[in-house]
């Protein structure tokens, strides 16, 4: 009899535990083990930074058992290195970083992109510099973040001015170090993107020699680790949907965007508003046309021996797009 009673109570305990778990009433180890983490890399610009500030993504993903962890990076190359070594799952960069990362063997996938924003990056000189044209950069020291979006702007601007890439002295520095060198006069020009560009103009009086207009598209890309994207497509879809919703609000509301951005990027609202006004809103899935533009950049970098091997952008496209693009 005792064995029967023990068995009955054991069965009831199991049923009670199952019901409690089903109703979400247990927050102990059993439930904690079902949660996962989405690790996002971001920089000091763009819609992703606003998404972090608002907390909309956390609210969207929490019911799915997904916690969001944000990590700031100084530039795209460093961010994609983080993706390559497995410290983040998703992030945003410009056109050049994913090309350098892919050439280094990163297993990444293009998810989506913002429209072109060519005015959001430029080659600048000090306000009292005697340099008046890109052609006058020949033999001069030019600071930039190697492998960043502005790397391609420099290549195209020099090409248009009739100056060979090897005829300038490139000084590879991250934005903070590049600004310090620019202020000291240790370099003759600086190739930089917003909001650092806006800060240099507003705070230092930096003069623009050339921006991206007529030279480059300056897309912003959203990329993911392919293993993560393959395993968690619903999470990737949620990120894109939240970014699209935020874009619809942000477009045409640069003052409100600046108010969100300023404390996040550590710059005053006036600088943030200039940068926000040059950003392009309207996230869209990656297309064959944009992929073809990326391929041209990759081919140019390989020709200049800036990347160690030729790459195929198609290898980093979403599986569905690769299938649709196949001959």
C-alpha atoms as a PDB file:
ATOM      1  CA  UNK A   1       0.000   0.000   0.000  1.00  0.00           C
ATOM      2  CA  UNK A   2       2.789   2.440   0.935  1.00  0.00           C
ATOM      3  CA  UNK A   3       4.459   1.820  -2.412  1.00  0.00           C
ATOM      4  CA  UNK A   4       1.220   2.655  -4.206  1.00  0.00           C
ATOM      5  CA  UNK A   5       0.786   5.883  -2.209  1.00  0.00           C
ATOM      6  CA  UNK A   6       4.417   6.919  -2.868  1.00  0.00           C
ATOM      7  CA  UNK A   7       3.937   6.203  -6.546  1.00  0.00           C
ATOM      8  CA  UNK A   8       0.722   8.246  -6.632  1.00  0.00           C
ATOM      9  CA  UNK A   9       2.349  11.264  -4.942  1.00  0.00           C
ATOM     10  CA  UNK A  10       5.374  10.988  -7.260  1.00  0.00           C
ATOM     11  CA  UNK A  11       3.090  11.026 -10.293  1.00  0.00           C
ATOM     12  CA  UNK A  12       1.216  14.056  -8.958  1.00  0.00           C
ATOM     13  CA  UNK A  13       4.478  15.905  -8.308  1.00  0.00           C
ATOM     14  CA  UNK A  14       5.614  15.279 -11.890  1.00  0.00           C
ATOM     15  CA  UNK A  15       2.281  16.452 -13.280  1.00  0.00           C
ATOM     16  CA  UNK A  16       2.328  19.528 -11.058  1.00  0.00           C
ATOM     17  CA  UNK A  17       5.845  20.443 -12.151  1.00  0.00           C
ATOM     18  CA  UNK A  18       4.942  19.981 -15.802  1.00  0.00           C
ATOM     19  CA  UNK A  19       1.881  22.230 -15.426  1.00  0.00           C
ATOM     20  CA  UNK A  20       3.855  24.878 -13.543  1.00  0.00           C
ATOM     21  CA  UNK A  21       6.529  24.980 -16.243  1.00  0.00           C
ATOM     22  CA  UNK A  22       3.905  25.160 -18.975  1.00  0.00           C
ATOM     23  CA  UNK A  23       2.296  28.174 -17.271  1.00  0.00           C
ATOM     24  CA  UNK A  24       5.679  29.892 -16.892  1.00  0.00           C
ATOM     25  CA  UNK A  25       5.485  29.948 -13.106  1.00  0.00           C
ATOM     26  CA  UNK A  26       9.018  28.698 -12.436  1.00  0.00           C
ATOM     27  CA  UNK A  27      11.988  31.028 -12.793  1.00  0.00           C
ATOM     28  CA  UNK A  28      14.544  28.606 -11.470  1.00  0.00           C
ATOM     29  CA  UNK A  29      17.343  26.672 -13.198  1.00  0.00           C
ATOM     30  CA  UNK A  30      14.963  24.575 -15.313  1.00  0.00           C
ATOM     31  CA  UNK A  31      13.611  27.691 -17.097  1.00  0.00           C
ATOM     32  CA  UNK A  32      16.912  29.593 -17.134  1.00  0.00           C
ATOM     33  CA  UNK A  33      18.492  26.873 -19.212  1.00  0.00           C
ATOM     34  CA  UNK A  34      16.044  27.580 -22.062  1.00  0.00           C
ATOM     35  CA  UNK A  35      17.146  31.216 -22.511  1.00  0.00           C
ATOM     36  CA  UNK A  36      19.607  32.226 -25.214  1.00  0.00           C
ATOM     37  CA  UNK A  37      21.700  35.330 -25.835  1.00  0.00           C
ATOM     38  CA  UNK A  38      21.868  37.565 -28.895  1.00  0.00           C
ATOM     39  CA  UNK A  39      25.165  39.488 -28.971  1.00  0.00           C
ATOM     40  CA  UNK A  40      25.057  42.669 -31.068  1.00  0.00           C
ATOM     41  CA  UNK A  41      28.015  44.808 -32.104  1.00  0.00           C
ATOM     42  CA  UNK A  42      27.366  48.483 -32.782  1.00  0.00           C
ATOM     43  CA  UNK A  43      29.214  51.712 -33.511  1.00  0.00           C
ATOM     44  CA  UNK A  44      28.605  55.354 -32.710  1.00  0.00           C
ATOM     45  CA  UNK A  45      26.104  55.958 -35.512  1.00  0.00           C
ATOM     46  CA  UNK A  46      22.973  54.748 -37.212  1.00  0.00           C
ATOM     47  CA  UNK A  47      19.634  53.244 -36.371  1.00  0.00           C
ATOM     48  CA  UNK A  48      21.099  50.346 -34.425  1.00  0.00           C
ATOM     49  CA  UNK A  49      22.402  52.767 -31.806  1.00  0.00           C
ATOM     50  CA  UNK A  50      18.919  54.266 -31.421  1.00  0.00           C
ATOM     51  CA  UNK A  51      17.427  50.776 -31.163  1.00  0.00           C
ATOM     52  CA  UNK A  52      19.776  50.091 -28.269  1.00  0.00           C
ATOM     53  CA  UNK A  53      18.777  53.315 -26.542  1.00  0.00           C
ATOM     54  CA  UNK A  54      15.039  52.649 -26.865  1.00  0.00           C
ATOM     55  CA  UNK A  55      15.127  49.022 -25.742  1.00  0.00           C
ATOM     56  CA  UNK A  56      12.525  47.940 -28.310  1.00  0.00           C
ATOM     57  CA  UNK A  57      14.419  44.819 -29.333  1.00  0.00           C
ATOM     58  CA  UNK A  58      14.720  43.562 -25.781  1.00  0.00           C
ATOM     59  CA  UNK A  59      10.951  43.913 -25.375  1.00  0.00           C
ATOM     60  CA  UNK A  60      10.365  42.056 -28.645  1.00  0.00           C
ATOM     61  CA  UNK A  61      12.694  39.147 -27.889  1.00  0.00           C
ATOM     62  CA  UNK A  62      12.209  38.655 -24.145  1.00  0.00           C
ATOM     63  CA  UNK A  63       9.053  36.524 -24.545  1.00  0.00           C
ATOM     64  CA  UNK A  64      11.018  34.287 -26.928  1.00  0.00           C
ATOM     65  CA  UNK A  65      13.611  33.631 -24.220  1.00  0.00           C
ATOM     66  CA  UNK A  66      16.291  35.757 -25.920  1.00  0.00           C
ATOM     67  CA  UNK A  67      18.456  38.180 -23.934  1.00  0.00           C
ATOM     68  CA  UNK A  68      20.271  40.963 -25.822  1.00  0.00           C
ATOM     69  CA  UNK A  69      23.872  41.943 -25.086  1.00  0.00           C
ATOM     70  CA  UNK A  70      25.357  45.058 -26.744  1.00  0.00           C
ATOM     71  CA  UNK A  71      29.075  45.654 -27.386  1.00  0.00           C
ATOM     72  CA  UNK A  72      30.452  48.910 -28.793  1.00  0.00           C
ATOM     73  CA  UNK A  73      33.287  48.897 -31.341  1.00  0.00           C
ATOM     74  CA  UNK A  74      35.363  51.870 -32.588  1.00  0.00           C
ATOM     75  CA  UNK A  75      34.983  50.901 -36.267  1.00  0.00           C
ATOM     76  CA  UNK A  76      33.723  48.241 -38.665  1.00  0.00           C
ATOM     77  CA  UNK A  77      36.917  46.174 -39.007  1.00  0.00           C
ATOM     78  CA  UNK A  78      37.141  45.661 -35.259  1.00  0.00           C
ATOM     79  CA  UNK A  79      33.448  44.800 -35.097  1.00  0.00           C
ATOM     80  CA  UNK A  80      33.729  42.129 -37.779  1.00  0.00           C
ATOM     81  CA  UNK A  81      36.828  40.729 -36.128  1.00  0.00           C
ATOM     82  CA  UNK A  82      34.589  40.225 -33.109  1.00  0.00           C
ATOM     83  CA  UNK A  83      32.069  38.445 -35.312  1.00  0.00           C
ATOM     84  CA  UNK A  84      34.823  36.334 -36.857  1.00  0.00           C
ATOM     85  CA  UNK A  85      36.125  35.100 -33.496  1.00  0.00           C
ATOM     86  CA  UNK A  86      32.622  34.409 -32.195  1.00  0.00           C
ATOM     87  CA  UNK A  87      32.210  37.201 -29.641  1.00  0.00           C
ATOM     88  CA  UNK A  88      29.167  38.746 -31.405  1.00  0.00           C
ATOM     89  CA  UNK A  89      26.386  37.401 -33.616  1.00  0.00           C
ATOM     90  CA  UNK A  90      25.142  40.487 -35.450  1.00  0.00           C
ATOM     91  CA  UNK A  91      26.377  43.971 -36.253  1.00  0.00           C
ATOM     92  CA  UNK A  92      26.431  46.953 -38.577  1.00  0.00           C
ATOM     93  CA  UNK A  93      29.317  48.246 -40.702  1.00  0.00           C
ATOM     94  CA  UNK A  94      30.009  50.086 -43.945  1.00  0.00           C
ATOM     95  CA  UNK A  95      30.913  48.714 -47.357  1.00  0.00           C
ATOM     96  CA  UNK A  96      34.603  47.897 -46.961  1.00  0.00           C
ATOM     97  CA  UNK A  97      34.793  46.003 -43.624  1.00  0.00           C
ATOM     98  CA  UNK A  98      32.860  42.897 -44.733  1.00  0.00           C
ATOM     99  CA  UNK A  99      35.149  42.597 -47.770  1.00  0.00           C
ATOM    100  CA  UNK A 100      38.276  42.607 -45.611  1.00  0.00           C
ATOM    101  CA  UNK A 101      36.593  40.224 -43.150  1.00  0.00           C
ATOM    102  CA  UNK A 102      35.537  37.814 -45.890  1.00  0.00           C
ATOM    103  CA  UNK A 103      39.066  37.854 -47.304  1.00  0.00           C
ATOM    104  CA  UNK A 104      40.277  36.924 -43.816  1.00  0.00           C
ATOM    105  CA  UNK A 105      37.968  33.910 -43.739  1.00  0.00           C
ATOM    106  CA  UNK A 106      35.036  35.230 -41.705  1.00  0.00           C
ATOM    107  CA  UNK A 107      31.881  33.128 -42.055  1.00  0.00           C
ATOM    108  CA  UNK A 108      29.447  36.015 -42.340  1.00  0.00           C
ATOM    109  CA  UNK A 109      26.227  36.706 -44.194  1.00  0.00           C
ATOM    110  CA  UNK A 110      24.798  39.980 -45.515  1.00  0.00           C
ATOM    111  CA  UNK A 111      21.330  40.480 -44.032  1.00  0.00           C
ATOM    112  CA  UNK A 112      20.193  43.948 -45.097  1.00  0.00           C
ATOM    113  CA  UNK A 113      21.388  47.467 -45.863  1.00  0.00           C
ATOM    114  CA  UNK A 114      20.450  51.114 -45.601  1.00  0.00           C
ATOM    115  CA  UNK A 115      20.153  53.266 -48.754  1.00  0.00           C
ATOM    116  CA  UNK A 116      23.246  55.142 -50.008  1.00  0.00           C
ATOM    117  CA  UNK A 117      24.493  58.021 -47.814  1.00  0.00           C
ATOM    118  CA  UNK A 118      27.462  59.433 -49.767  1.00  0.00           C
ATOM    119  CA  UNK A 119      27.600  62.708 -47.815  1.00  0.00           C
ATOM    120  CA  UNK A 120      28.173  60.803 -44.568  1.00  0.00           C
ATOM    121  CA  UNK A 121      31.923  60.366 -45.155  1.00  0.00           C
ATOM    122  CA  UNK A 122      34.619  62.706 -46.414  1.00  0.00           C
ATOM    123  CA  UNK A 123      38.283  63.610 -46.762  1.00  0.00           C
ATOM    124  CA  UNK A 124      38.969  66.610 -44.542  1.00  0.00           C
ATOM    125  CA  UNK A 125      41.893  68.950 -43.895  1.00  0.00           C
ATOM    126  CA  UNK A 126      42.511  71.516 -41.168  1.00  0.00           C
ATOM    127  CA  UNK A 127      40.722  74.820 -41.640  1.00  0.00           C
ATOM    128  CA  UNK A 128      44.028  76.645 -42.240  1.00  0.00           C
ATOM    129  CA  UNK A 129      45.564  73.932 -44.454  1.00  0.00           C
ATOM    130  CA  UNK A 130      47.058  75.087 -47.775  1.00  0.00           C
ATOM    131  CA  UNK A 131      45.691  71.927 -49.432  1.00  0.00           C
ATOM    132  CA  UNK A 132      42.742  72.796 -51.663  1.00  0.00           C
ATOM    133  CA  UNK A 133      42.197  69.661 -53.743  1.00  0.00           C
ATOM    134  CA  UNK A 134      42.522  65.895 -53.574  1.00  0.00           C
ATOM    135  CA  UNK A 135      45.275  66.083 -56.202  1.00  0.00           C
ATOM    136  CA  UNK A 136      47.404  68.006 -53.677  1.00  0.00           C
ATOM    137  CA  UNK A 137      47.419  65.000 -51.361  1.00  0.00           C
ATOM    138  CA  UNK A 138      50.189  63.458 -53.466  1.00  0.00           C
ATOM    139  CA  UNK A 139      53.122  62.754 -51.161  1.00  0.00           C
ATOM    140  CA  UNK A 140      51.100  63.758 -48.084  1.00  0.00           C
ATOM    141  CA  UNK A 141      50.155  61.839 -44.941  1.00  0.00           C
ATOM    142  CA  UNK A 142      46.514  60.752 -44.886  1.00  0.00           C
ATOM    143  CA  UNK A 143      44.956  59.164 -41.786  1.00  0.00           C
ATOM    144  CA  UNK A 144      42.192  56.579 -41.971  1.00  0.00           C
ATOM    145  CA  UNK A 145      40.990  53.394 -40.303  1.00  0.00           C
ATOM    146  CA  UNK A 146      42.322  50.539 -42.441  1.00  0.00           C
ATOM    147  CA  UNK A 147      39.592  48.418 -43.973  1.00  0.00           C
ATOM    148  CA  UNK A 148      36.841  50.839 -43.007  1.00  0.00           C
ATOM    149  CA  UNK A 149      34.244  52.328 -45.309  1.00  0.00           C
ATOM    150  CA  UNK A 150      36.345  55.409 -46.012  1.00  0.00           C
ATOM    151  CA  UNK A 151      39.123  53.248 -47.446  1.00  0.00           C
ATOM    152  CA  UNK A 152      37.177  52.886 -50.673  1.00  0.00           C
ATOM    153  CA  UNK A 153      36.297  56.593 -50.695  1.00  0.00           C
ATOM    154  CA  UNK A 154      40.002  57.411 -50.597  1.00  0.00           C
ATOM    155  CA  UNK A 155      40.733  54.973 -53.431  1.00  0.00           C
ATOM    156  CA  UNK A 156      38.017  56.463 -55.659  1.00  0.00           C
ATOM    157  CA  UNK A 157      38.824  60.101 -54.814  1.00  0.00           C
ATOM    158  CA  UNK A 158      42.512  59.611 -55.651  1.00  0.00           C
ATOM    159  CA  UNK A 159      41.586  57.796 -58.859  1.00  0.00           C
ATOM    160  CA  UNK A 160      39.381  60.707 -59.939  1.00  0.00           C
ATOM    161  CA  UNK A 161      42.146  63.206 -59.113  1.00  0.00           C
ATOM    162  CA  UNK A 162      44.736  61.250 -61.102  1.00  0.00           C
ATOM    163  CA  UNK A 163      46.795  60.310 -58.046  1.00  0.00           C
ATOM    164  CA  UNK A 164      47.956  56.722 -57.555  1.00  0.00           C
ATOM    165  CA  UNK A 165      47.126  55.116 -54.237  1.00  0.00           C
ATOM    166  CA  UNK A 166      50.826  54.412 -53.671  1.00  0.00           C
ATOM    167  CA  UNK A 167      51.671  58.098 -54.112  1.00  0.00           C
ATOM    168  CA  UNK A 168      50.246  59.092 -50.741  1.00  0.00           C
ATOM    169  CA  UNK A 169      51.400  58.055 -47.263  1.00  0.00           C
ATOM    170  CA  UNK A 170      48.566  56.206 -45.546  1.00  0.00           C
ATOM    171  CA  UNK A 171      48.573  56.343 -41.752  1.00  0.00           C
ATOM    172  CA  UNK A 172      46.228  53.711 -40.340  1.00  0.00           C
ATOM    173  CA  UNK A 173      44.602  54.903 -37.121  1.00  0.00           C
ATOM    174  CA  UNK A 174      41.303  54.306 -35.324  1.00  0.00           C
ATOM    175  CA  UNK A 175      39.007  57.370 -35.207  1.00  0.00           C
ATOM    176  CA  UNK A 176      40.046  58.655 -31.767  1.00  0.00           C
ATOM    177  CA  UNK A 177      43.771  58.356 -32.529  1.00  0.00           C
ATOM    178  CA  UNK A 178      43.272  59.795 -36.009  1.00  0.00           C
ATOM    179  CA  UNK A 179      41.527  62.844 -34.597  1.00  0.00           C
ATOM    180  CA  UNK A 180      44.368  63.409 -32.144  1.00  0.00           C
ATOM    181  CA  UNK A 181      46.913  63.177 -34.968  1.00  0.00           C
ATOM    182  CA  UNK A 182      44.769  65.507 -37.100  1.00  0.00           C
ATOM    183  CA  UNK A 183      44.568  68.100 -34.323  1.00  0.00           C
ATOM    184  CA  UNK A 184      48.333  67.931 -33.733  1.00  0.00           C
ATOM    185  CA  UNK A 185      49.035  68.401 -37.426  1.00  0.00           C
ATOM    186  CA  UNK A 186      50.825  65.043 -37.573  1.00  0.00           C
ATOM    187  CA  UNK A 187      48.831  64.154 -40.690  1.00  0.00           C
ATOM    188  CA  UNK A 188      47.820  66.335 -43.613  1.00  0.00           C
ATOM    189  CA  UNK A 189      44.327  64.930 -44.142  1.00  0.00           C
ATOM    190  CA  UNK A 190      41.845  62.620 -42.484  1.00  0.00           C
ATOM    191  CA  UNK A 191      39.299  60.339 -44.156  1.00  0.00           C
ATOM    192  CA  UNK A 192      36.426  59.845 -41.752  1.00  0.00           C
ATOM    193  CA  UNK A 193      32.699  59.117 -41.396  1.00  0.00           C
ATOM    194  CA  UNK A 194      29.839  60.492 -39.312  1.00  0.00           C
ATOM    195  CA  UNK A 195      29.461  61.286 -36.485  1.00  0.00           C
ATOM    196  CA  UNK A 196      33.240  61.815 -36.242  1.00  0.00           C
ATOM    197  CA  UNK A 197      33.061  63.806 -39.488  1.00  0.00           C
ATOM    198  CA  UNK A 198      30.332  66.074 -38.120  1.00  0.00           C
ATOM    199  CA  UNK A 199      32.327  66.555 -34.907  1.00  0.00           C
ATOM    200  CA  UNK A 200      35.464  67.501 -36.849  1.00  0.00           C
ATOM    201  CA  UNK A 201      33.507  70.056 -38.876  1.00  0.00           C
ATOM    202  CA  UNK A 202      31.622  71.570 -35.934  1.00  0.00           C
ATOM    203  CA  UNK A 203      34.336  71.446 -33.280  1.00  0.00           C
ATOM    204  CA  UNK A 204      37.572  71.797 -35.267  1.00  0.00           C
ATOM    205  CA  UNK A 205      36.388  73.705 -38.308  1.00  0.00           C
ATOM    206  CA  UNK A 206      37.702  70.912 -40.551  1.00  0.00           C
ATOM    207  CA  UNK A 207      37.300  71.644 -44.251  1.00  0.00           C
ATOM    208  CA  UNK A 208      35.933  69.026 -46.653  1.00  0.00           C
ATOM    209  CA  UNK A 209      38.103  68.298 -49.691  1.00  0.00           C
ATOM    210  CA  UNK A 210      35.719  65.683 -51.049  1.00  0.00           C
ATOM    211  CA  UNK A 211      32.823  63.652 -49.713  1.00  0.00           C
ATOM    212  CA  UNK A 212      31.312  60.523 -51.209  1.00  0.00           C
ATOM    213  CA  UNK A 213      28.890  62.220 -53.586  1.00  0.00           C
ATOM    214  CA  UNK A 214      29.592  61.081 -57.140  1.00  0.00           C
ATOM    215  CA  UNK A 215      32.261  58.675 -55.921  1.00  0.00           C
ATOM    216  CA  UNK A 216      30.810  56.020 -53.624  1.00  0.00           C
ATOM    217  CA  UNK A 217      27.422  54.851 -52.344  1.00  0.00           C
ATOM    218  CA  UNK A 218      28.391  54.499 -48.687  1.00  0.00           C
ATOM    219  CA  UNK A 219      25.862  51.820 -47.779  1.00  0.00           C
ATOM    220  CA  UNK A 220      25.502  50.704 -44.202  1.00  0.00           C
ATOM    221  CA  UNK A 221      25.237  46.917 -43.959  1.00  0.00           C
ATOM    222  CA  UNK A 222      23.782  44.636 -41.322  1.00  0.00           C
ATOM    223  CA  UNK A 223      25.622  41.339 -41.103  1.00  0.00           C
ATOM    224  CA  UNK A 224      25.355  38.202 -39.032  1.00  0.00           C
ATOM    225  CA  UNK A 225      27.473  35.191 -38.293  1.00  0.00           C
ATOM    226  CA  UNK A 226      26.204  32.616 -40.778  1.00  0.00           C
ATOM    227  CA  UNK A 227      25.970  29.834 -38.149  1.00  0.00           C
ATOM    228  CA  UNK A 228      23.823  32.122 -35.984  1.00  0.00           C
ATOM    229  CA  UNK A 229      21.652  33.288 -38.893  1.00  0.00           C
ATOM    230  CA  UNK A 230      21.068  29.679 -39.964  1.00  0.00           C
ATOM    231  CA  UNK A 231      20.172  28.617 -36.428  1.00  0.00           C
ATOM    232  CA  UNK A 232      18.089  31.645 -35.389  1.00  0.00           C
ATOM    233  CA  UNK A 233      16.385  33.069 -38.518  1.00  0.00           C
ATOM    234  CA  UNK A 234      13.405  34.259 -36.480  1.00  0.00           C
ATOM    235  CA  UNK A 235      15.690  36.418 -34.324  1.00  0.00           C
ATOM    236  CA  UNK A 236      17.378  37.948 -37.388  1.00  0.00           C
ATOM    237  CA  UNK A 237      13.935  38.654 -38.848  1.00  0.00           C
ATOM    238  CA  UNK A 238      12.876  40.353 -35.600  1.00  0.00           C
ATOM    239  CA  UNK A 239      15.946  42.632 -35.655  1.00  0.00           C
ATOM    240  CA  UNK A 240      15.264  43.730 -39.235  1.00  0.00           C
ATOM    241  CA  UNK A 241      11.590  44.351 -38.505  1.00  0.00           C
ATOM    242  CA  UNK A 242      12.405  46.475 -35.454  1.00  0.00           C
ATOM    243  CA  UNK A 243      15.000  48.447 -37.425  1.00  0.00           C
ATOM    244  CA  UNK A 244      12.496  49.024 -40.235  1.00  0.00           C
ATOM    245  CA  UNK A 245       9.905  50.272 -37.748  1.00  0.00           C
ATOM    246  CA  UNK A 246      12.474  52.609 -36.204  1.00  0.00           C
ATOM    247  CA  UNK A 247      13.572  53.871 -39.624  1.00  0.00           C
ATOM    248  CA  UNK A 248      10.012  54.899 -40.453  1.00  0.00           C
ATOM    249  CA  UNK A 249       9.962  57.032 -37.334  1.00  0.00           C
ATOM    250  CA  UNK A 250      13.488  58.407 -37.702  1.00  0.00           C
ATOM    251  CA  UNK A 251      13.192  59.573 -41.301  1.00  0.00           C
ATOM    252  CA  UNK A 252      12.394  63.260 -41.256  1.00  0.00           C
ATOM    253  CA  UNK A 253      12.826  63.537 -37.472  1.00  0.00           C
ATOM    254  CA  UNK A 254      16.523  64.351 -37.236  1.00  0.00           C
ATOM    255  CA  UNK A 255      16.078  66.432 -34.068  1.00  0.00           C
ATOM    256  CA  UNK A 256      14.428  63.585 -32.196  1.00  0.00           C
ATOM    257  CA  UNK A 257      17.024  61.159 -33.559  1.00  0.00           C
ATOM    258  CA  UNK A 258      19.798  63.497 -32.407  1.00  0.00           C
ATOM    259  CA  UNK A 259      18.292  63.637 -28.920  1.00  0.00           C
ATOM    260  CA  UNK A 260      18.521  59.837 -28.718  1.00  0.00           C
ATOM    261  CA  UNK A 261      21.957  59.639 -30.335  1.00  0.00           C
ATOM    262  CA  UNK A 262      23.784  62.402 -28.462  1.00  0.00           C
ATOM    263  CA  UNK A 263      24.090  60.679 -25.070  1.00  0.00           C
ATOM    264  CA  UNK A 264      24.806  57.338 -26.739  1.00  0.00           C
ATOM    265  CA  UNK A 265      27.722  58.641 -28.815  1.00  0.00           C
ATOM    266  CA  UNK A 266      29.052  61.163 -26.297  1.00  0.00           C
ATOM    267  CA  UNK A 267      28.638  64.201 -28.571  1.00  0.00           C
ATOM    268  CA  UNK A 268      26.449  67.280 -28.266  1.00  0.00           C
ATOM    269  CA  UNK A 269      23.021  67.401 -29.883  1.00  0.00           C
ATOM    270  CA  UNK A 270      24.163  69.829 -32.598  1.00  0.00           C
ATOM    271  CA  UNK A 271      26.823  67.415 -33.852  1.00  0.00           C
ATOM    272  CA  UNK A 272      24.446  64.461 -33.613  1.00  0.00           C
ATOM    273  CA  UNK A 273      21.834  66.343 -35.624  1.00  0.00           C
ATOM    274  CA  UNK A 274      24.271  67.052 -38.469  1.00  0.00           C
ATOM    275  CA  UNK A 275      25.209  63.364 -38.603  1.00  0.00           C
ATOM    276  CA  UNK A 276      21.576  62.219 -38.376  1.00  0.00           C
ATOM    277  CA  UNK A 277      20.635  64.512 -41.246  1.00  0.00           C
ATOM    278  CA  UNK A 278      23.156  62.825 -43.545  1.00  0.00           C
ATOM    279  CA  UNK A 279      22.153  59.280 -42.621  1.00  0.00           C
ATOM    280  CA  UNK A 280      19.945  57.368 -45.080  1.00  0.00           C
ATOM    281  CA  UNK A 281      16.873  55.653 -43.612  1.00  0.00           C
ATOM    282  CA  UNK A 282      14.885  52.760 -45.043  1.00  0.00           C
ATOM    283  CA  UNK A 283      16.441  49.350 -44.335  1.00  0.00           C
ATOM    284  CA  UNK A 284      15.966  46.808 -47.133  1.00  0.00           C
ATOM    285  CA  UNK A 285      17.070  43.195 -47.662  1.00  0.00           C
ATOM    286  CA  UNK A 286      20.332  42.782 -49.560  1.00  0.00           C
ATOM    287  CA  UNK A 287      19.754  42.613 -53.340  1.00  0.00           C
ATOM    288  CA  UNK A 288      21.794  41.302 -56.307  1.00  0.00           C
ATOM    289  CA  UNK A 289      22.365  44.921 -57.430  1.00  0.00           C
ATOM    290  CA  UNK A 290      23.912  45.971 -54.122  1.00  0.00           C
ATOM    291  CA  UNK A 291      25.889  42.718 -53.996  1.00  0.00           C
ATOM    292  CA  UNK A 292      27.299  43.536 -57.451  1.00  0.00           C
ATOM    293  CA  UNK A 293      28.434  46.936 -56.159  1.00  0.00           C
ATOM    294  CA  UNK A 294      30.180  45.197 -53.292  1.00  0.00           C
ATOM    295  CA  UNK A 295      31.913  42.899 -55.770  1.00  0.00           C
ATOM    296  CA  UNK A 296      33.358  45.927 -57.603  1.00  0.00           C
ATOM    297  CA  UNK A 297      34.805  47.210 -54.339  1.00  0.00           C
ATOM    298  CA  UNK A 298      36.271  43.793 -53.546  1.00  0.00           C
ATOM    299  CA  UNK A 299      37.870  43.571 -56.996  1.00  0.00           C
ATOM    300  CA  UNK A 300      39.374  47.058 -56.613  1.00  0.00           C
ATOM    301  CA  UNK A 301      40.847  46.174 -53.226  1.00  0.00           C
ATOM    302  CA  UNK A 302      42.347  42.969 -54.578  1.00  0.00           C
ATOM    303  CA  UNK A 303      43.870  44.803 -57.542  1.00  0.00           C
ATOM    304  CA  UNK A 304      45.527  47.240 -55.119  1.00  0.00           C
ATOM    305  CA  UNK A 305      46.680  44.289 -52.974  1.00  0.00           C
ATOM    306  CA  UNK A 306      44.741  45.642 -50.009  1.00  0.00           C
ATOM    307  CA  UNK A 307      43.211  42.185 -49.481  1.00  0.00           C
ATOM    308  CA  UNK A 308      45.267  38.978 -49.774  1.00  0.00           C
ATOM    309  CA  UNK A 309      42.987  37.109 -52.161  1.00  0.00           C
ATOM    310  CA  UNK A 310      40.095  37.582 -54.562  1.00  0.00           C
ATOM    311  CA  UNK A 311      36.700  36.935 -53.002  1.00  0.00           C
ATOM    312  CA  UNK A 312      33.156  36.314 -54.219  1.00  0.00           C
ATOM    313  CA  UNK A 313      30.525  38.399 -52.482  1.00  0.00           C
ATOM    314  CA  UNK A 314      27.992  35.767 -53.516  1.00  0.00           C
ATOM    315  CA  UNK A 315      29.574  33.407 -50.976  1.00  0.00           C
ATOM    316  CA  UNK A 316      28.372  35.744 -48.199  1.00  0.00           C
ATOM    317  CA  UNK A 317      24.812  36.236 -49.445  1.00  0.00           C
ATOM    318  CA  UNK A 318      21.747  34.700 -47.759  1.00  0.00           C
ATOM    319  CA  UNK A 319      21.075  31.170 -48.946  1.00  0.00           C
ATOM    320  CA  UNK A 320      17.777  32.116 -50.639  1.00  0.00           C
ATOM    321  CA  UNK A 321      19.436  34.935 -52.585  1.00  0.00           C
ATOM    322  CA  UNK A 322      22.364  32.733 -53.581  1.00  0.00           C
ATOM    323  CA  UNK A 323      19.896  30.158 -54.943  1.00  0.00           C
ATOM    324  CA  UNK A 324      17.880  32.770 -56.787  1.00  0.00           C
ATOM    325  CA  UNK A 325      21.045  34.298 -58.300  1.00  0.00           C
ATOM    326  CA  UNK A 326      22.516  30.993 -59.423  1.00  0.00           C
ATOM    327  CA  UNK A 327      22.718  30.511 -63.240  1.00  0.00           C
END
